[in-house]
Amino acid sequence: MQTISWHDFEKVELRAGTIIEVQDFPKARKPAYQLKVDFGSLGMKWSSAQITKHYTKQELIGRQILGVVNFPEKQIANFMSQFLVTGLADENGDIVLTAVERPVPNGSKLI
């Protein structure tokens, strides 16, 4: 593991946002959803996430997540991802979303 400085960590824009729309992503190589997330003053952003093993589309709506919002956009199949959804792999390698323990304003930065 490489050590980073506090200054390096401060560059990462980890922000809270609320999922407001979920779509299937049939063109993805692995099963995934497309997520539209409200990041408050940072606006609405789209990303894809390989989270279909643990979550249905319906249960994701209204869920608050953490995303890295200052990466450049990345093309995934025919879709442009505007932020990175954060999560952790379970014992099978399936992704469990990083959760916010209590509601915070959308756009709040992890500090």
C-alpha atoms as a PDB file:
ATOM      1  CA  MET A   1       0.000   0.000   0.000  1.00  0.00           C
ATOM      2  CA  GLN A   2       1.303   3.432  -0.933  1.00  0.00           C
ATOM      3  CA  THR A   3       1.091   6.234   1.650  1.00  0.00           C
ATOM      4  CA  ILE A   4      -0.482   9.496   0.470  1.00  0.00           C
ATOM      5  CA  SER A   5      -0.386  12.933   2.036  1.00  0.00           C
ATOM      6  CA  TRP A   6      -3.344  14.787   3.507  1.00  0.00           C
ATOM      7  CA  HIS A   7      -2.992  17.203   0.579  1.00  0.00           C
ATOM      8  CA  ASP A   8      -3.451  14.275  -1.848  1.00  0.00           C
ATOM      9  CA  PHE A   9      -6.561  13.076   0.004  1.00  0.00           C
ATOM     10  CA  GLU A  10      -8.086  16.564  -0.071  1.00  0.00           C
ATOM     11  CA  LYS A  11      -8.011  16.458  -3.880  1.00  0.00           C
ATOM     12  CA  VAL A  12     -10.553  13.616  -3.948  1.00  0.00           C
ATOM     13  CA  GLU A  13     -14.084  15.011  -4.134  1.00  0.00           C
ATOM     14  CA  LEU A  14     -16.087  12.308  -2.334  1.00  0.00           C
ATOM     15  CA  ARG A  15     -19.637  13.671  -2.200  1.00  0.00           C
ATOM     16  CA  ALA A  16     -23.006  12.466  -0.936  1.00  0.00           C
ATOM     17  CA  GLY A  17     -25.814  12.202  -3.437  1.00  0.00           C
ATOM     18  CA  THR A  18     -29.290  10.703  -3.678  1.00  0.00           C
ATOM     19  CA  ILE A  19     -30.211   8.202  -6.391  1.00  0.00           C
ATOM     20  CA  ILE A  20     -33.243   9.546  -8.251  1.00  0.00           C
ATOM     21  CA  GLU A  21     -33.385   7.295 -11.318  1.00  0.00           C
ATOM     22  CA  VAL A  22     -32.176   3.767 -12.138  1.00  0.00           C
ATOM     23  CA  GLN A  23     -32.088   2.149 -15.571  1.00  0.00           C
ATOM     24  CA  ASP A  24     -30.948  -1.231 -16.822  1.00  0.00           C
ATOM     25  CA  PHE A  25     -27.661  -1.155 -18.732  1.00  0.00           C
ATOM     26  CA  PRO A  26     -27.919  -4.018 -21.253  1.00  0.00           C
ATOM     27  CA  LYS A  27     -24.815  -2.962 -23.234  1.00  0.00           C
ATOM     28  CA  ALA A  28     -22.495  -3.254 -20.222  1.00  0.00           C
ATOM     29  CA  ARG A  29     -20.105  -6.251 -20.296  1.00  0.00           C
ATOM     30  CA  LYS A  30     -21.121  -7.244 -16.739  1.00  0.00           C
ATOM     31  CA  PRO A  31     -24.641  -6.775 -15.302  1.00  0.00           C
ATOM     32  CA  ALA A  32     -25.007  -3.140 -14.235  1.00  0.00           C
ATOM     33  CA  TYR A  33     -27.412  -0.276 -13.707  1.00  0.00           C
ATOM     34  CA  GLN A  34     -27.213   3.318 -14.888  1.00  0.00           C
ATOM     35  CA  LEU A  35     -27.782   5.669 -11.943  1.00  0.00           C
ATOM     36  CA  LYS A  36     -28.881   9.300 -11.994  1.00  0.00           C
ATOM     37  CA  VAL A  37     -27.791  10.950  -8.755  1.00  0.00           C
ATOM     38  CA  ASP A  38     -28.635  14.360  -7.276  1.00  0.00           C
ATOM     39  CA  PHE A  39     -25.466  15.974  -5.892  1.00  0.00           C
ATOM     40  CA  GLY A  40     -27.185  19.185  -4.760  1.00  0.00           C
ATOM     41  CA  SER A  41     -25.354  22.307  -5.949  1.00  0.00           C
ATOM     42  CA  LEU A  42     -23.098  20.107  -8.118  1.00  0.00           C
ATOM     43  CA  GLY A  43     -26.136  19.047 -10.139  1.00  0.00           C
ATOM     44  CA  MET A  44     -27.415  15.747 -11.478  1.00  0.00           C
ATOM     45  CA  LYS A  45     -24.817  13.228 -12.612  1.00  0.00           C
ATOM     46  CA  TRP A  46     -24.970   9.793 -14.232  1.00  0.00           C
ATOM     47  CA  SER A  47     -22.828   6.735 -13.563  1.00  0.00           C
ATOM     48  CA  SER A  48     -22.987   3.004 -14.006  1.00  0.00           C
ATOM     49  CA  ALA A  49     -22.554   0.484 -11.217  1.00  0.00           C
ATOM     50  CA  GLN A  50     -22.242  -3.292 -11.139  1.00  0.00           C
ATOM     51  CA  ILE A  51     -24.586  -3.633  -8.159  1.00  0.00           C
ATOM     52  CA  THR A  52     -27.327  -5.854  -9.564  1.00  0.00           C
ATOM     53  CA  LYS A  53     -26.532  -8.803  -7.235  1.00  0.00           C
ATOM     54  CA  HIS A  54     -27.487  -6.947  -4.052  1.00  0.00           C
ATOM     55  CA  TYR A  55     -29.966  -4.270  -5.182  1.00  0.00           C
ATOM     56  CA  THR A  56     -33.148  -3.994  -7.217  1.00  0.00           C
ATOM     57  CA  LYS A  57     -33.872  -0.836  -9.174  1.00  0.00           C
ATOM     58  CA  GLN A  58     -36.795  -0.026  -6.882  1.00  0.00           C
ATOM     59  CA  GLU A  59     -34.821  -0.218  -3.626  1.00  0.00           C
ATOM     60  CA  LEU A  60     -32.083   2.078  -4.975  1.00  0.00           C
ATOM     61  CA  ILE A  61     -34.412   5.053  -5.532  1.00  0.00           C
ATOM     62  CA  GLY A  62     -33.977   7.552  -2.690  1.00  0.00           C
ATOM     63  CA  ARG A  63     -30.827   5.872  -1.340  1.00  0.00           C
ATOM     64  CA  GLN A  64     -27.972   8.205  -0.441  1.00  0.00           C
ATOM     65  CA  ILE A  65     -24.539   7.117  -1.699  1.00  0.00           C
ATOM     66  CA  LEU A  66     -20.963   8.424  -1.916  1.00  0.00           C
ATOM     67  CA  GLY A  67     -19.419   9.225  -5.274  1.00  0.00           C
ATOM     68  CA  VAL A  68     -16.114  10.605  -6.533  1.00  0.00           C
ATOM     69  CA  VAL A  69     -17.230  13.560  -8.641  1.00  0.00           C
ATOM     70  CA  ASN A  70     -13.909  14.982  -9.861  1.00  0.00           C
ATOM     71  CA  PHE A  71     -12.714  12.173 -12.131  1.00  0.00           C
ATOM     72  CA  PRO A  72     -12.909  12.886 -15.873  1.00  0.00           C
ATOM     73  CA  GLU A  73     -15.901  11.393 -17.660  1.00  0.00           C
ATOM     74  CA  LYS A  74     -15.396   7.796 -18.764  1.00  0.00           C
ATOM     75  CA  GLN A  75     -17.097   6.009 -21.630  1.00  0.00           C
ATOM     76  CA  ILE A  76     -18.552   2.621 -20.733  1.00  0.00           C
ATOM     77  CA  ALA A  77     -20.056   0.965 -23.815  1.00  0.00           C
ATOM     78  CA  ASN A  78     -22.436   3.594 -25.257  1.00  0.00           C
ATOM     79  CA  PHE A  79     -22.702   5.532 -21.964  1.00  0.00           C
ATOM     80  CA  MET A  80     -20.669   8.385 -20.417  1.00  0.00           C
ATOM     81  CA  SER A  81     -20.073   7.952 -16.682  1.00  0.00           C
ATOM     82  CA  GLN A  82     -19.781  11.318 -14.893  1.00  0.00           C
ATOM     83  CA  PHE A  83     -18.699  10.093 -11.455  1.00  0.00           C
ATOM     84  CA  LEU A  84     -17.484   6.976  -9.656  1.00  0.00           C
ATOM     85  CA  VAL A  85     -19.966   5.126  -7.453  1.00  0.00           C
ATOM     86  CA  THR A  86     -18.126   3.838  -4.363  1.00  0.00           C
ATOM     87  CA  GLY A  87     -18.591   0.437  -2.807  1.00  0.00           C
ATOM     88  CA  LEU A  88     -16.894  -2.565  -1.283  1.00  0.00           C
ATOM     89  CA  ALA A  89     -16.632  -6.129  -2.563  1.00  0.00           C
ATOM     90  CA  ASP A  90     -18.306  -8.814  -0.460  1.00  0.00           C
ATOM     91  CA  GLU A  91     -16.894 -12.332   0.004  1.00  0.00           C
ATOM     92  CA  ASN A  92     -18.044 -13.245  -3.534  1.00  0.00           C
ATOM     93  CA  GLY A  93     -16.691 -10.101  -5.185  1.00  0.00           C
ATOM     94  CA  ASP A  94     -20.159  -8.542  -5.567  1.00  0.00           C
ATOM     95  CA  ILE A  95     -20.339  -4.824  -4.808  1.00  0.00           C
ATOM     96  CA  VAL A  96     -22.031  -3.434  -1.696  1.00  0.00           C
ATOM     97  CA  LEU A  97     -22.620   0.323  -1.883  1.00  0.00           C
ATOM     98  CA  THR A  98     -20.832   2.705   0.454  1.00  0.00           C
ATOM     99  CA  ALA A  99     -23.597   4.095   2.651  1.00  0.00           C
ATOM    100  CA  VAL A 100     -24.213   7.332   4.521  1.00  0.00           C
ATOM    101  CA  GLU A 101     -25.147   6.488   8.121  1.00  0.00           C
ATOM    102  CA  ARG A 102     -27.626   9.404   8.447  1.00  0.00           C
ATOM    103  CA  PRO A 103     -29.065  11.731   5.822  1.00  0.00           C
ATOM    104  CA  VAL A 104     -26.845  14.686   4.895  1.00  0.00           C
ATOM    105  CA  PRO A 105     -27.400  17.441   2.320  1.00  0.00           C
ATOM    106  CA  ASN A 106     -26.742  16.278  -1.235  1.00  0.00           C
ATOM    107  CA  GLY A 107     -23.310  17.450  -2.323  1.00  0.00           C
ATOM    108  CA  SER A 108     -21.815  17.197   1.185  1.00  0.00           C
ATOM    109  CA  LYS A 109     -18.091  16.424   1.002  1.00  0.00           C
ATOM    110  CA  LEU A 110     -16.479  13.602   2.955  1.00  0.00           C
ATOM    111  CA  ILE A 111     -14.039  15.255   5.348  1.00  0.00           C
END
